[in-house]
N, C-alpha and C. Protein backbone atom coordinates (compact mmCIF):
# COMPACT_ATOMS: atom_id res chain seq x y z
N MET A 1 -33.70 6.90 -22.07
CA MET A 1 -33.55 5.45 -22.19
C MET A 1 -34.43 4.93 -23.32
N VAL A 2 -33.88 4.08 -24.15
CA VAL A 2 -34.64 3.48 -25.24
C VAL A 2 -35.27 2.18 -24.75
N SER A 3 -36.56 2.03 -24.96
CA SER A 3 -37.25 0.82 -24.51
C SER A 3 -37.07 -0.30 -25.51
N SER A 4 -37.06 -1.52 -24.99
CA SER A 4 -37.02 -2.69 -25.86
C SER A 4 -38.45 -3.05 -26.24
N THR A 5 -38.59 -4.04 -27.11
CA THR A 5 -39.92 -4.49 -27.51
C THR A 5 -40.65 -5.13 -26.34
N PHE A 6 -39.93 -5.41 -25.23
CA PHE A 6 -40.57 -6.01 -24.06
C PHE A 6 -41.11 -4.97 -23.10
N GLY A 7 -40.85 -3.67 -23.35
CA GLY A 7 -41.37 -2.62 -22.50
C GLY A 7 -40.35 -2.06 -21.52
N GLY A 8 -39.25 -2.74 -21.30
CA GLY A 8 -38.21 -2.27 -20.39
C GLY A 8 -37.06 -1.63 -21.16
N PRO A 9 -35.88 -1.52 -20.56
CA PRO A 9 -34.75 -0.92 -21.26
C PRO A 9 -34.28 -1.81 -22.40
N SER A 10 -33.68 -1.18 -23.39
CA SER A 10 -33.11 -1.95 -24.49
C SER A 10 -31.87 -2.70 -23.98
N PRO A 11 -31.44 -3.76 -24.66
CA PRO A 11 -30.23 -4.48 -24.23
C PRO A 11 -29.02 -3.56 -24.12
N TYR A 12 -28.90 -2.62 -25.06
CA TYR A 12 -27.77 -1.69 -25.01
C TYR A 12 -27.85 -0.81 -23.77
N ASP A 13 -29.04 -0.25 -23.50
CA ASP A 13 -29.19 0.64 -22.35
C ASP A 13 -28.99 -0.11 -21.04
N LEU A 14 -29.44 -1.35 -20.98
CA LEU A 14 -29.25 -2.14 -19.77
C LEU A 14 -27.76 -2.38 -19.53
N SER A 15 -27.05 -2.72 -20.57
CA SER A 15 -25.61 -2.92 -20.44
C SER A 15 -24.92 -1.63 -20.00
N GLN A 16 -25.36 -0.50 -20.54
CA GLN A 16 -24.77 0.78 -20.17
C GLN A 16 -25.08 1.14 -18.72
N MET A 17 -26.29 0.82 -18.27
CA MET A 17 -26.67 1.06 -16.86
C MET A 17 -25.77 0.27 -15.92
N ILE A 18 -25.54 -0.99 -16.26
CA ILE A 18 -24.70 -1.83 -15.42
C ILE A 18 -23.26 -1.32 -15.43
N ALA A 19 -22.75 -0.99 -16.60
CA ALA A 19 -21.38 -0.49 -16.71
C ALA A 19 -21.19 0.80 -15.92
N ASP A 20 -22.16 1.72 -16.04
CA ASP A 20 -22.07 2.99 -15.31
C ASP A 20 -22.08 2.76 -13.80
N LYS A 21 -22.91 1.84 -13.36
CA LYS A 21 -22.99 1.55 -11.93
C LYS A 21 -21.67 1.00 -11.41
N ILE A 22 -21.10 0.05 -12.15
CA ILE A 22 -19.83 -0.55 -11.75
C ILE A 22 -18.71 0.48 -11.74
N GLU A 23 -18.62 1.27 -12.81
CA GLU A 23 -17.55 2.25 -12.91
C GLU A 23 -17.63 3.28 -11.78
N HIS A 24 -18.83 3.76 -11.48
CA HIS A 24 -18.99 4.74 -10.41
C HIS A 24 -18.58 4.13 -9.08
N TYR A 25 -18.96 2.89 -8.84
CA TYR A 25 -18.63 2.24 -7.57
C TYR A 25 -17.12 2.04 -7.43
N VAL A 26 -16.48 1.56 -8.47
CA VAL A 26 -15.04 1.31 -8.41
C VAL A 26 -14.28 2.61 -8.23
N HIS A 27 -14.62 3.63 -8.98
CA HIS A 27 -13.93 4.92 -8.86
C HIS A 27 -14.11 5.53 -7.47
N ALA A 28 -15.26 5.28 -6.85
CA ALA A 28 -15.53 5.84 -5.53
C ALA A 28 -14.80 5.08 -4.42
N ASN A 29 -14.41 3.84 -4.68
CA ASN A 29 -13.89 3.00 -3.60
C ASN A 29 -12.44 2.55 -3.77
N VAL A 30 -11.84 2.84 -4.91
CA VAL A 30 -10.44 2.45 -5.13
C VAL A 30 -9.57 3.70 -5.07
N ASN A 31 -8.58 3.68 -4.20
CA ASN A 31 -7.72 4.84 -4.00
C ASN A 31 -6.47 4.73 -4.87
N CYS A 32 -6.45 5.47 -5.96
CA CYS A 32 -5.27 5.55 -6.83
C CYS A 32 -5.43 6.76 -7.73
N ASP A 33 -4.36 7.11 -8.44
CA ASP A 33 -4.39 8.30 -9.29
C ASP A 33 -5.21 8.10 -10.57
N SER A 34 -5.19 6.88 -11.10
CA SER A 34 -5.90 6.61 -12.35
C SER A 34 -6.33 5.15 -12.40
N LEU A 35 -7.44 4.89 -13.09
CA LEU A 35 -7.98 3.54 -13.21
C LEU A 35 -8.25 3.19 -14.67
N ASP A 36 -8.10 1.91 -14.98
CA ASP A 36 -8.52 1.39 -16.28
C ASP A 36 -9.41 0.19 -16.01
N LEU A 37 -10.65 0.25 -16.51
CA LEU A 37 -11.62 -0.81 -16.26
C LEU A 37 -12.04 -1.47 -17.56
N SER A 38 -12.16 -2.78 -17.53
CA SER A 38 -12.78 -3.51 -18.63
C SER A 38 -13.79 -4.47 -18.02
N LEU A 39 -15.01 -4.48 -18.60
CA LEU A 39 -16.11 -5.26 -18.06
C LEU A 39 -16.55 -6.33 -19.04
N LYS A 40 -16.92 -7.46 -18.50
CA LYS A 40 -17.51 -8.53 -19.30
C LYS A 40 -18.90 -8.81 -18.74
N LEU A 41 -19.91 -8.33 -19.44
CA LEU A 41 -21.28 -8.43 -18.95
C LEU A 41 -21.86 -9.81 -19.24
N ASP A 42 -22.57 -10.33 -18.26
CA ASP A 42 -23.23 -11.63 -18.39
C ASP A 42 -24.66 -11.41 -18.87
N ASN A 43 -25.01 -11.96 -20.02
CA ASN A 43 -26.34 -11.72 -20.61
C ASN A 43 -27.41 -12.70 -20.13
N GLN A 44 -27.07 -13.57 -19.19
CA GLN A 44 -28.01 -14.62 -18.82
C GLN A 44 -29.29 -14.10 -18.19
N TYR A 45 -29.24 -12.91 -17.59
CA TYR A 45 -30.43 -12.39 -16.93
C TYR A 45 -31.09 -11.27 -17.72
N HIS A 46 -30.61 -10.99 -18.91
CA HIS A 46 -31.15 -9.85 -19.67
C HIS A 46 -32.62 -10.02 -20.02
N SER A 47 -33.01 -11.19 -20.43
CA SER A 47 -34.38 -11.36 -20.93
C SER A 47 -35.41 -11.00 -19.88
N GLU A 48 -35.19 -11.40 -18.64
CA GLU A 48 -36.15 -11.08 -17.60
C GLU A 48 -36.11 -9.61 -17.21
N LEU A 49 -34.92 -9.03 -17.22
CA LEU A 49 -34.81 -7.62 -16.85
C LEU A 49 -35.38 -6.69 -17.90
N LEU A 50 -35.36 -7.13 -19.16
CA LEU A 50 -35.88 -6.29 -20.23
C LEU A 50 -37.39 -6.12 -20.16
N LEU A 51 -38.06 -6.87 -19.31
CA LEU A 51 -39.52 -6.77 -19.16
C LEU A 51 -39.91 -5.67 -18.21
N ASN A 52 -38.94 -5.08 -17.51
CA ASN A 52 -39.26 -4.14 -16.44
C ASN A 52 -38.81 -2.73 -16.76
N GLN A 53 -39.77 -1.82 -16.70
CA GLN A 53 -39.44 -0.42 -16.91
C GLN A 53 -38.83 0.20 -15.66
N HIS A 54 -39.20 -0.29 -14.49
CA HIS A 54 -38.70 0.25 -13.23
C HIS A 54 -37.66 -0.72 -12.66
N LEU A 55 -36.43 -0.39 -12.87
CA LEU A 55 -35.35 -1.31 -12.51
C LEU A 55 -34.28 -0.57 -11.71
N GLU A 56 -33.89 -1.14 -10.58
CA GLU A 56 -32.81 -0.60 -9.76
C GLU A 56 -31.68 -1.62 -9.70
N ILE A 57 -30.46 -1.12 -9.72
CA ILE A 57 -29.29 -1.98 -9.69
C ILE A 57 -28.48 -1.69 -8.43
N PHE A 58 -28.15 -2.74 -7.68
CA PHE A 58 -27.37 -2.61 -6.46
C PHE A 58 -26.12 -3.49 -6.56
N ILE A 59 -25.04 -3.02 -5.93
CA ILE A 59 -23.80 -3.78 -5.89
C ILE A 59 -23.66 -4.41 -4.51
N ASP A 60 -23.44 -5.71 -4.48
CA ASP A 60 -23.35 -6.45 -3.22
C ASP A 60 -21.92 -6.90 -2.93
N TRP A 61 -21.00 -5.96 -3.00
CA TRP A 61 -19.59 -6.27 -2.72
C TRP A 61 -19.39 -6.35 -1.21
N ASN A 62 -19.04 -7.52 -0.70
CA ASN A 62 -18.90 -7.72 0.74
C ASN A 62 -17.45 -7.82 1.20
N LYS A 63 -16.51 -7.86 0.26
CA LYS A 63 -15.10 -7.93 0.64
C LYS A 63 -14.59 -6.54 0.94
N ASN A 64 -13.37 -6.45 1.47
CA ASN A 64 -12.81 -5.13 1.73
C ASN A 64 -12.47 -4.44 0.42
N LYS A 65 -12.40 -3.12 0.46
CA LYS A 65 -12.20 -2.34 -0.75
C LYS A 65 -10.82 -2.58 -1.38
N GLU A 66 -9.85 -3.02 -0.57
CA GLU A 66 -8.52 -3.29 -1.11
C GLU A 66 -8.53 -4.46 -2.09
N SER A 67 -9.59 -5.29 -2.03
CA SER A 67 -9.70 -6.44 -2.94
C SER A 67 -10.19 -6.04 -4.32
N LEU A 68 -10.58 -4.79 -4.48
CA LEU A 68 -11.06 -4.32 -5.79
C LEU A 68 -9.85 -4.00 -6.68
N THR A 69 -9.16 -5.01 -7.11
CA THR A 69 -8.01 -4.83 -7.98
C THR A 69 -7.77 -6.10 -8.77
N GLY A 70 -7.27 -5.95 -10.00
CA GLY A 70 -7.06 -7.11 -10.86
C GLY A 70 -8.38 -7.65 -11.39
N LYS A 71 -8.45 -8.94 -11.63
CA LYS A 71 -9.67 -9.56 -12.14
C LYS A 71 -10.57 -9.97 -10.97
N VAL A 72 -11.75 -9.40 -10.93
CA VAL A 72 -12.69 -9.67 -9.83
C VAL A 72 -14.08 -9.92 -10.40
N LEU A 73 -14.89 -10.63 -9.63
CA LEU A 73 -16.28 -10.89 -9.98
C LEU A 73 -17.14 -10.09 -9.01
N ILE A 74 -17.82 -9.08 -9.52
CA ILE A 74 -18.61 -8.20 -8.66
C ILE A 74 -20.07 -8.64 -8.68
N PRO A 75 -20.62 -9.02 -7.52
CA PRO A 75 -22.02 -9.46 -7.46
C PRO A 75 -22.99 -8.27 -7.55
N LEU A 76 -24.08 -8.49 -8.25
CA LEU A 76 -25.11 -7.46 -8.42
C LEU A 76 -26.45 -7.97 -7.93
N ARG A 77 -27.35 -7.01 -7.68
CA ARG A 77 -28.73 -7.34 -7.34
C ARG A 77 -29.63 -6.40 -8.15
N PHE A 78 -30.49 -7.00 -8.97
CA PHE A 78 -31.43 -6.22 -9.79
C PHE A 78 -32.80 -6.26 -9.13
N LYS A 79 -33.30 -5.09 -8.79
CA LYS A 79 -34.58 -5.02 -8.09
C LYS A 79 -35.66 -4.43 -9.00
N THR A 80 -36.72 -5.19 -9.19
CA THR A 80 -37.89 -4.75 -9.95
C THR A 80 -39.06 -4.64 -8.96
N PRO A 81 -40.19 -4.09 -9.39
CA PRO A 81 -41.33 -4.03 -8.46
C PRO A 81 -41.76 -5.40 -7.94
N ASP A 82 -41.47 -6.46 -8.68
CA ASP A 82 -41.95 -7.79 -8.28
C ASP A 82 -40.86 -8.78 -7.90
N HIS A 83 -39.61 -8.53 -8.31
CA HIS A 83 -38.57 -9.54 -8.11
C HIS A 83 -37.25 -8.90 -7.70
N VAL A 84 -36.42 -9.73 -7.09
CA VAL A 84 -35.01 -9.40 -6.88
C VAL A 84 -34.20 -10.47 -7.60
N ILE A 85 -33.42 -10.07 -8.59
CA ILE A 85 -32.71 -11.01 -9.44
C ILE A 85 -31.21 -10.85 -9.22
N PRO A 86 -30.52 -11.92 -8.81
CA PRO A 86 -29.06 -11.82 -8.61
C PRO A 86 -28.32 -11.88 -9.95
N GLY A 87 -27.14 -11.32 -9.98
CA GLY A 87 -26.29 -11.39 -11.17
C GLY A 87 -24.86 -11.07 -10.78
N HIS A 88 -23.99 -10.95 -11.76
CA HIS A 88 -22.61 -10.61 -11.49
C HIS A 88 -21.98 -10.05 -12.76
N VAL A 89 -20.88 -9.36 -12.56
CA VAL A 89 -20.12 -8.79 -13.67
C VAL A 89 -18.63 -9.10 -13.45
N SER A 90 -17.98 -9.61 -14.47
CA SER A 90 -16.54 -9.84 -14.43
C SER A 90 -15.82 -8.54 -14.81
N VAL A 91 -14.96 -8.07 -13.94
CA VAL A 91 -14.30 -6.78 -14.14
C VAL A 91 -12.79 -6.94 -13.98
N CYS A 92 -12.05 -6.31 -14.86
CA CYS A 92 -10.59 -6.23 -14.71
C CYS A 92 -10.25 -4.79 -14.35
N ILE A 93 -9.70 -4.60 -13.16
CA ILE A 93 -9.41 -3.26 -12.64
C ILE A 93 -7.89 -3.07 -12.59
N ARG A 94 -7.39 -2.16 -13.40
CA ARG A 94 -5.96 -1.85 -13.39
C ARG A 94 -5.76 -0.49 -12.72
N LYS A 95 -4.82 -0.46 -11.77
CA LYS A 95 -4.57 0.74 -10.99
C LYS A 95 -3.24 1.37 -11.40
N PHE A 96 -3.23 2.71 -11.45
CA PHE A 96 -2.03 3.45 -11.80
C PHE A 96 -1.81 4.55 -10.76
N ASP A 97 -0.57 4.71 -10.33
CA ASP A 97 -0.21 5.74 -9.36
C ASP A 97 1.09 6.41 -9.76
N ARG A 98 1.24 7.63 -9.31
CA ARG A 98 2.53 8.31 -9.43
C ARG A 98 3.36 7.90 -8.22
N VAL A 99 4.44 7.16 -8.47
CA VAL A 99 5.20 6.53 -7.38
C VAL A 99 6.69 6.78 -7.53
N GLY A 100 7.41 6.54 -6.43
CA GLY A 100 8.86 6.69 -6.44
C GLY A 100 9.53 5.51 -7.12
N VAL A 101 10.46 5.80 -8.04
CA VAL A 101 11.15 4.78 -8.84
C VAL A 101 12.66 5.05 -8.78
N THR A 102 13.45 3.99 -8.69
CA THR A 102 14.91 4.16 -8.65
C THR A 102 15.45 4.59 -10.01
N ARG A 103 16.44 5.46 -10.01
CA ARG A 103 17.06 5.92 -11.25
C ARG A 103 18.32 5.15 -11.59
N ARG A 104 18.78 4.32 -10.65
CA ARG A 104 20.00 3.55 -10.88
C ARG A 104 19.96 2.31 -9.98
N LEU A 105 20.88 1.38 -10.23
CA LEU A 105 21.06 0.24 -9.34
C LEU A 105 21.57 0.74 -8.00
N MET A 106 20.91 0.32 -6.92
CA MET A 106 21.31 0.78 -5.59
C MET A 106 21.59 -0.43 -4.70
N ALA A 107 22.62 -0.30 -3.89
CA ALA A 107 23.06 -1.40 -3.04
C ALA A 107 22.38 -1.37 -1.68
N ARG A 108 22.41 -2.50 -1.02
CA ARG A 108 21.88 -2.59 0.34
C ARG A 108 22.59 -1.60 1.26
N ASN A 109 21.83 -0.97 2.13
CA ASN A 109 22.31 0.00 3.12
C ASN A 109 22.65 1.37 2.54
N GLU A 110 22.45 1.56 1.23
CA GLU A 110 22.65 2.91 0.67
C GLU A 110 21.58 3.85 1.17
N ILE A 111 21.97 5.11 1.33
CA ILE A 111 21.03 6.15 1.74
C ILE A 111 20.51 6.85 0.49
N ILE A 112 19.22 6.95 0.35
CA ILE A 112 18.62 7.55 -0.85
C ILE A 112 18.80 9.07 -0.82
N SER A 113 19.37 9.59 -1.89
CA SER A 113 19.53 11.04 -2.03
C SER A 113 18.59 11.56 -3.11
N ASP A 114 18.59 12.86 -3.29
CA ASP A 114 17.62 13.50 -4.19
C ASP A 114 17.70 12.97 -5.62
N GLY A 115 18.89 12.71 -6.11
CA GLY A 115 19.04 12.27 -7.49
C GLY A 115 18.87 10.79 -7.73
N ASP A 116 18.61 10.04 -6.66
CA ASP A 116 18.52 8.58 -6.80
C ASP A 116 17.13 8.10 -7.22
N VAL A 117 16.12 8.94 -7.04
CA VAL A 117 14.74 8.53 -7.32
C VAL A 117 14.02 9.61 -8.12
N GLU A 118 12.99 9.18 -8.83
CA GLU A 118 12.12 10.10 -9.54
C GLU A 118 10.69 9.60 -9.44
N MET A 119 9.74 10.49 -9.66
CA MET A 119 8.33 10.12 -9.58
C MET A 119 7.81 9.83 -10.99
N GLU A 120 7.19 8.67 -11.15
CA GLU A 120 6.65 8.26 -12.45
C GLU A 120 5.25 7.68 -12.25
N MET A 121 4.41 7.81 -13.30
CA MET A 121 3.12 7.14 -13.31
C MET A 121 3.34 5.69 -13.72
N ARG A 122 3.02 4.76 -12.82
CA ARG A 122 3.24 3.33 -13.07
C ARG A 122 1.99 2.53 -12.70
N GLU A 123 1.84 1.37 -13.36
CA GLU A 123 0.77 0.47 -12.97
C GLU A 123 1.16 -0.21 -11.65
N VAL A 124 0.22 -0.19 -10.69
CA VAL A 124 0.49 -0.76 -9.37
C VAL A 124 -0.54 -1.84 -9.01
N THR A 125 -1.21 -2.39 -10.04
CA THR A 125 -2.27 -3.37 -9.80
C THR A 125 -1.80 -4.53 -8.95
N SER A 126 -0.64 -5.07 -9.25
CA SER A 126 -0.17 -6.28 -8.57
C SER A 126 0.70 -5.99 -7.35
N ILE A 127 0.92 -4.72 -7.04
CA ILE A 127 1.77 -4.37 -5.89
C ILE A 127 0.92 -4.34 -4.63
N LYS A 128 1.28 -5.17 -3.66
CA LYS A 128 0.50 -5.29 -2.43
C LYS A 128 1.03 -4.38 -1.32
N ARG A 129 2.28 -3.98 -1.39
CA ARG A 129 2.87 -3.14 -0.36
C ARG A 129 2.56 -1.66 -0.62
N SER A 130 2.74 -0.84 0.40
CA SER A 130 2.54 0.60 0.25
C SER A 130 3.68 1.19 -0.57
N THR A 131 3.34 2.16 -1.41
CA THR A 131 4.34 2.85 -2.23
C THR A 131 4.52 4.27 -1.71
N PHE A 132 5.46 4.99 -2.30
CA PHE A 132 5.74 6.36 -1.90
C PHE A 132 5.27 7.30 -3.00
N LYS A 133 4.37 8.22 -2.64
CA LYS A 133 3.78 9.13 -3.63
C LYS A 133 4.40 10.52 -3.59
N ARG A 134 5.31 10.74 -2.64
CA ARG A 134 5.97 12.04 -2.55
C ARG A 134 7.48 11.83 -2.54
N HIS A 135 8.16 12.59 -3.36
CA HIS A 135 9.60 12.46 -3.54
C HIS A 135 10.35 12.60 -2.21
N TYR A 136 9.97 13.62 -1.43
CA TYR A 136 10.74 13.90 -0.22
C TYR A 136 10.54 12.86 0.88
N ASP A 137 9.51 12.03 0.77
CA ASP A 137 9.33 10.97 1.76
C ASP A 137 10.39 9.87 1.63
N LEU A 138 11.06 9.82 0.49
CA LEU A 138 12.09 8.80 0.26
C LEU A 138 13.50 9.28 0.59
N ILE A 139 13.71 10.59 0.55
CA ILE A 139 15.05 11.14 0.77
C ILE A 139 15.50 10.84 2.20
N GLY A 140 16.69 10.27 2.33
CA GLY A 140 17.23 9.95 3.64
C GLY A 140 16.93 8.55 4.12
N LYS A 141 16.04 7.84 3.42
CA LYS A 141 15.75 6.47 3.80
C LYS A 141 16.94 5.57 3.43
N ARG A 142 17.08 4.47 4.15
CA ARG A 142 18.16 3.51 3.89
C ARG A 142 17.57 2.24 3.29
N LEU A 143 18.24 1.71 2.27
CA LEU A 143 17.75 0.51 1.60
C LEU A 143 18.03 -0.73 2.44
N LYS A 144 17.02 -1.58 2.55
CA LYS A 144 17.18 -2.83 3.31
C LYS A 144 17.74 -3.94 2.43
N ARG A 145 17.71 -3.73 1.11
CA ARG A 145 18.29 -4.70 0.17
C ARG A 145 18.60 -3.98 -1.13
N ALA A 146 19.36 -4.63 -1.99
CA ALA A 146 19.71 -4.03 -3.29
C ALA A 146 18.45 -3.92 -4.16
N ILE A 147 18.35 -2.83 -4.94
CA ILE A 147 17.21 -2.59 -5.82
C ILE A 147 17.73 -2.19 -7.19
N GLY A 148 17.20 -2.81 -8.24
CA GLY A 148 17.63 -2.50 -9.59
C GLY A 148 17.10 -1.17 -10.10
N GLU A 149 17.66 -0.72 -11.20
CA GLU A 149 17.22 0.53 -11.81
C GLU A 149 15.79 0.41 -12.32
N GLY A 150 15.01 1.47 -12.15
CA GLY A 150 13.65 1.49 -12.67
C GLY A 150 12.63 0.74 -11.83
N ARG A 151 12.99 0.36 -10.61
CA ARG A 151 12.08 -0.39 -9.74
C ARG A 151 11.22 0.55 -8.91
N ILE A 152 9.96 0.19 -8.74
CA ILE A 152 9.08 0.91 -7.83
C ILE A 152 9.52 0.60 -6.40
N ILE A 153 9.67 1.63 -5.59
CA ILE A 153 10.11 1.45 -4.21
C ILE A 153 8.89 1.30 -3.31
N THR A 154 8.85 0.22 -2.53
CA THR A 154 7.76 -0.01 -1.59
C THR A 154 8.29 0.08 -0.16
N ASN A 155 7.36 0.19 0.79
CA ASN A 155 7.77 0.45 2.17
C ASN A 155 8.62 -0.66 2.79
N ASP A 156 8.51 -1.90 2.28
CA ASP A 156 9.31 -2.99 2.84
C ASP A 156 10.75 -2.98 2.34
N MET A 157 11.06 -2.12 1.37
CA MET A 157 12.41 -2.06 0.82
C MET A 157 13.31 -1.07 1.56
N VAL A 158 12.71 -0.18 2.36
CA VAL A 158 13.49 0.90 2.98
C VAL A 158 13.21 0.98 4.48
N GLU A 159 14.06 1.71 5.15
CA GLU A 159 13.87 1.96 6.57
C GLU A 159 14.47 3.33 6.89
N SER A 160 14.05 3.90 8.01
CA SER A 160 14.67 5.14 8.46
C SER A 160 16.09 4.85 8.90
N GLN A 161 16.94 5.85 8.82
CA GLN A 161 18.32 5.64 9.27
C GLN A 161 18.34 5.41 10.78
N PRO A 162 19.17 4.50 11.26
CA PRO A 162 19.25 4.28 12.70
C PRO A 162 19.80 5.51 13.41
N VAL A 163 19.34 5.75 14.63
CA VAL A 163 19.87 6.89 15.38
C VAL A 163 21.24 6.56 15.95
N ILE A 164 21.55 5.28 16.06
CA ILE A 164 22.89 4.84 16.45
C ILE A 164 23.35 3.81 15.43
N LYS A 165 24.57 3.97 14.93
CA LYS A 165 25.11 3.04 13.95
C LYS A 165 26.23 2.20 14.57
N LYS A 166 26.39 1.01 14.02
CA LYS A 166 27.45 0.13 14.50
C LYS A 166 28.80 0.84 14.46
N GLY A 167 29.50 0.80 15.56
CA GLY A 167 30.79 1.46 15.65
C GLY A 167 30.73 2.85 16.26
N ASP A 168 29.53 3.42 16.43
CA ASP A 168 29.40 4.75 17.04
C ASP A 168 29.80 4.72 18.50
N ARG A 169 30.41 5.83 18.95
CA ARG A 169 30.61 6.02 20.39
C ARG A 169 29.28 6.47 20.99
N VAL A 170 28.92 5.90 22.12
CA VAL A 170 27.64 6.22 22.75
C VAL A 170 27.84 6.53 24.22
N ASP A 171 26.93 7.33 24.76
CA ASP A 171 26.86 7.53 26.21
C ASP A 171 26.01 6.43 26.80
N VAL A 172 26.56 5.72 27.76
CA VAL A 172 25.86 4.60 28.39
C VAL A 172 25.38 5.06 29.77
N MET A 173 24.06 5.16 29.91
CA MET A 173 23.47 5.59 31.18
C MET A 173 23.17 4.35 32.02
N LEU A 174 23.82 4.23 33.16
CA LEU A 174 23.57 3.14 34.10
C LEU A 174 22.63 3.67 35.17
N VAL A 175 21.41 3.17 35.18
CA VAL A 175 20.36 3.67 36.07
C VAL A 175 20.09 2.65 37.16
N ASN A 176 20.23 3.07 38.39
CA ASN A 176 19.98 2.19 39.54
C ASN A 176 19.25 3.01 40.60
N LYS A 177 17.94 2.83 40.68
CA LYS A 177 17.09 3.59 41.59
C LYS A 177 17.31 5.08 41.36
N ASN A 178 17.80 5.81 42.35
CA ASN A 178 17.96 7.26 42.21
C ASN A 178 19.35 7.67 41.72
N LEU A 179 20.16 6.67 41.39
CA LEU A 179 21.53 6.96 40.97
C LEU A 179 21.70 6.68 39.48
N THR A 180 22.28 7.64 38.79
CA THR A 180 22.54 7.47 37.36
C THR A 180 24.01 7.77 37.07
N MET A 181 24.68 6.82 36.44
CA MET A 181 26.07 7.02 36.02
C MET A 181 26.12 7.04 34.50
N ILE A 182 26.98 7.85 33.96
CA ILE A 182 27.14 7.92 32.50
C ILE A 182 28.57 7.55 32.14
N LEU A 183 28.68 6.48 31.33
CA LEU A 183 29.96 6.02 30.84
C LEU A 183 29.97 6.13 29.32
N THR A 184 31.08 5.83 28.73
CA THR A 184 31.14 5.81 27.26
C THR A 184 31.30 4.38 26.79
N GLY A 185 30.81 4.11 25.59
CA GLY A 185 30.91 2.78 25.04
C GLY A 185 30.87 2.80 23.52
N ILE A 186 30.87 1.62 22.94
CA ILE A 186 30.85 1.45 21.49
C ILE A 186 29.63 0.60 21.11
N ALA A 187 28.85 1.07 20.14
CA ALA A 187 27.71 0.30 19.66
C ALA A 187 28.20 -0.84 18.77
N LYS A 188 27.71 -2.03 19.01
CA LYS A 188 28.10 -3.19 18.22
C LYS A 188 27.11 -3.52 17.10
N GLU A 189 26.03 -2.74 17.04
CA GLU A 189 25.05 -2.93 15.97
C GLU A 189 24.22 -1.67 15.83
N ASP A 190 23.52 -1.53 14.70
CA ASP A 190 22.64 -0.39 14.49
C ASP A 190 21.46 -0.45 15.45
N GLY A 191 20.90 0.72 15.75
CA GLY A 191 19.74 0.75 16.63
C GLY A 191 18.84 1.94 16.38
N TRP A 192 17.54 1.72 16.56
CA TRP A 192 16.54 2.76 16.49
C TRP A 192 15.98 2.99 17.89
N ILE A 193 15.36 4.12 18.12
CA ILE A 193 14.84 4.43 19.46
C ILE A 193 13.92 3.32 19.94
N GLY A 194 14.20 2.83 21.15
CA GLY A 194 13.41 1.75 21.72
C GLY A 194 14.02 0.38 21.53
N ASP A 195 14.96 0.25 20.58
CA ASP A 195 15.63 -1.04 20.35
C ASP A 195 16.57 -1.38 21.50
N ARG A 196 16.77 -2.66 21.71
CA ARG A 196 17.83 -3.13 22.61
C ARG A 196 18.99 -3.62 21.73
N ILE A 197 20.13 -3.00 21.90
CA ILE A 197 21.28 -3.33 21.06
C ILE A 197 22.47 -3.74 21.92
N ARG A 198 23.43 -4.40 21.29
CA ARG A 198 24.65 -4.80 21.97
C ARG A 198 25.63 -3.61 22.01
N ILE A 199 26.18 -3.38 23.17
CA ILE A 199 27.20 -2.33 23.31
C ILE A 199 28.36 -2.90 24.12
N ARG A 200 29.51 -2.25 23.97
CA ARG A 200 30.69 -2.62 24.76
C ARG A 200 31.22 -1.38 25.44
N LYS A 201 31.32 -1.43 26.74
CA LYS A 201 31.90 -0.30 27.46
C LYS A 201 33.38 -0.19 27.16
N ASN A 202 33.89 1.02 27.22
CA ASN A 202 35.33 1.22 26.98
C ASN A 202 36.16 0.38 27.95
N ASN A 203 37.23 -0.19 27.41
CA ASN A 203 38.16 -0.99 28.20
C ASN A 203 37.50 -2.24 28.80
N ASP A 204 36.44 -2.71 28.19
CA ASP A 204 35.75 -3.90 28.67
C ASP A 204 35.39 -4.75 27.45
N ARG A 205 35.86 -5.99 27.43
CA ARG A 205 35.59 -6.85 26.28
C ARG A 205 34.18 -7.44 26.30
N ASN A 206 33.54 -7.44 27.47
CA ASN A 206 32.20 -8.01 27.58
C ASN A 206 31.15 -7.11 26.94
N GLU A 207 30.22 -7.72 26.26
CA GLU A 207 29.13 -6.96 25.64
C GLU A 207 27.90 -6.96 26.54
N LEU A 208 27.17 -5.84 26.51
CA LEU A 208 25.95 -5.70 27.28
C LEU A 208 24.80 -5.32 26.35
N LYS A 209 23.60 -5.53 26.83
CA LYS A 209 22.42 -5.09 26.09
C LYS A 209 21.92 -3.78 26.68
N ALA A 210 21.65 -2.82 25.82
CA ALA A 210 21.16 -1.53 26.29
C ALA A 210 20.04 -1.04 25.37
N ARG A 211 19.15 -0.25 25.94
CA ARG A 211 18.03 0.28 25.16
C ARG A 211 18.40 1.64 24.59
N VAL A 212 18.11 1.85 23.30
CA VAL A 212 18.42 3.12 22.65
C VAL A 212 17.43 4.18 23.15
N LYS A 213 17.97 5.22 23.76
CA LYS A 213 17.14 6.30 24.31
C LYS A 213 16.99 7.44 23.30
N SER A 214 18.10 7.82 22.67
CA SER A 214 18.11 8.88 21.67
C SER A 214 19.38 8.75 20.87
N ALA A 215 19.64 9.69 19.99
CA ALA A 215 20.86 9.63 19.17
C ALA A 215 22.08 9.68 20.08
N GLY A 216 22.88 8.61 20.03
CA GLY A 216 24.11 8.59 20.81
C GLY A 216 23.95 8.26 22.26
N VAL A 217 22.75 7.89 22.70
CA VAL A 217 22.53 7.61 24.13
C VAL A 217 21.78 6.29 24.29
N VAL A 218 22.32 5.41 25.19
CA VAL A 218 21.65 4.15 25.51
C VAL A 218 21.51 4.05 27.02
N GLU A 219 20.56 3.20 27.45
CA GLU A 219 20.30 3.03 28.88
C GLU A 219 20.46 1.58 29.29
N ILE A 220 20.99 1.37 30.46
CA ILE A 220 21.02 0.05 31.08
C ILE A 220 20.40 0.17 32.46
N TYR A 221 19.36 -0.63 32.72
CA TYR A 221 18.70 -0.58 34.04
C TYR A 221 19.23 -1.69 34.93
């Protein structure tokens, strides 16, 4: 470390100490494949800090780690043998991840196949939803809405395929105490395990609500 004429670190070394501290903290606490940081150091406290040879720098970030993205103001605490001096650093944190991206325009309710998506390194700084980092995690998912070509796919855009689809023939289990009857019916809407969906028994125009038990099987209590 090069000393200044005041006996403490030089202005350059002090700036480097602060930058190193911030960069180490951000890299340790932000979960992504790659980061780009730009810092704007505030010189208002330099003169007093340059007087101290023994200087410790602490980061007083009290928000959750997910907030460390985009333009943020990171509070600092400079500790000398005699004083504790508050400060802050303005930081722009850009996040990059290898994520699933559409290769073509896809319509609502389409099932994603192997050739529909590819993995690309993209900036995800402004994306608040979870993304997909593995290609095979997307295969077989169904789109909840239309997505344009080249779009990053997030978890709110897709869903697992329903175990029962509208129009499927289903086994309808009628459960009454110790007696169980099994009839056949038609699903009137898609359903996932645990959902209550509308079904119509064969030769009956009335619709009933039944709970999806498994693929092709619903229960009525």
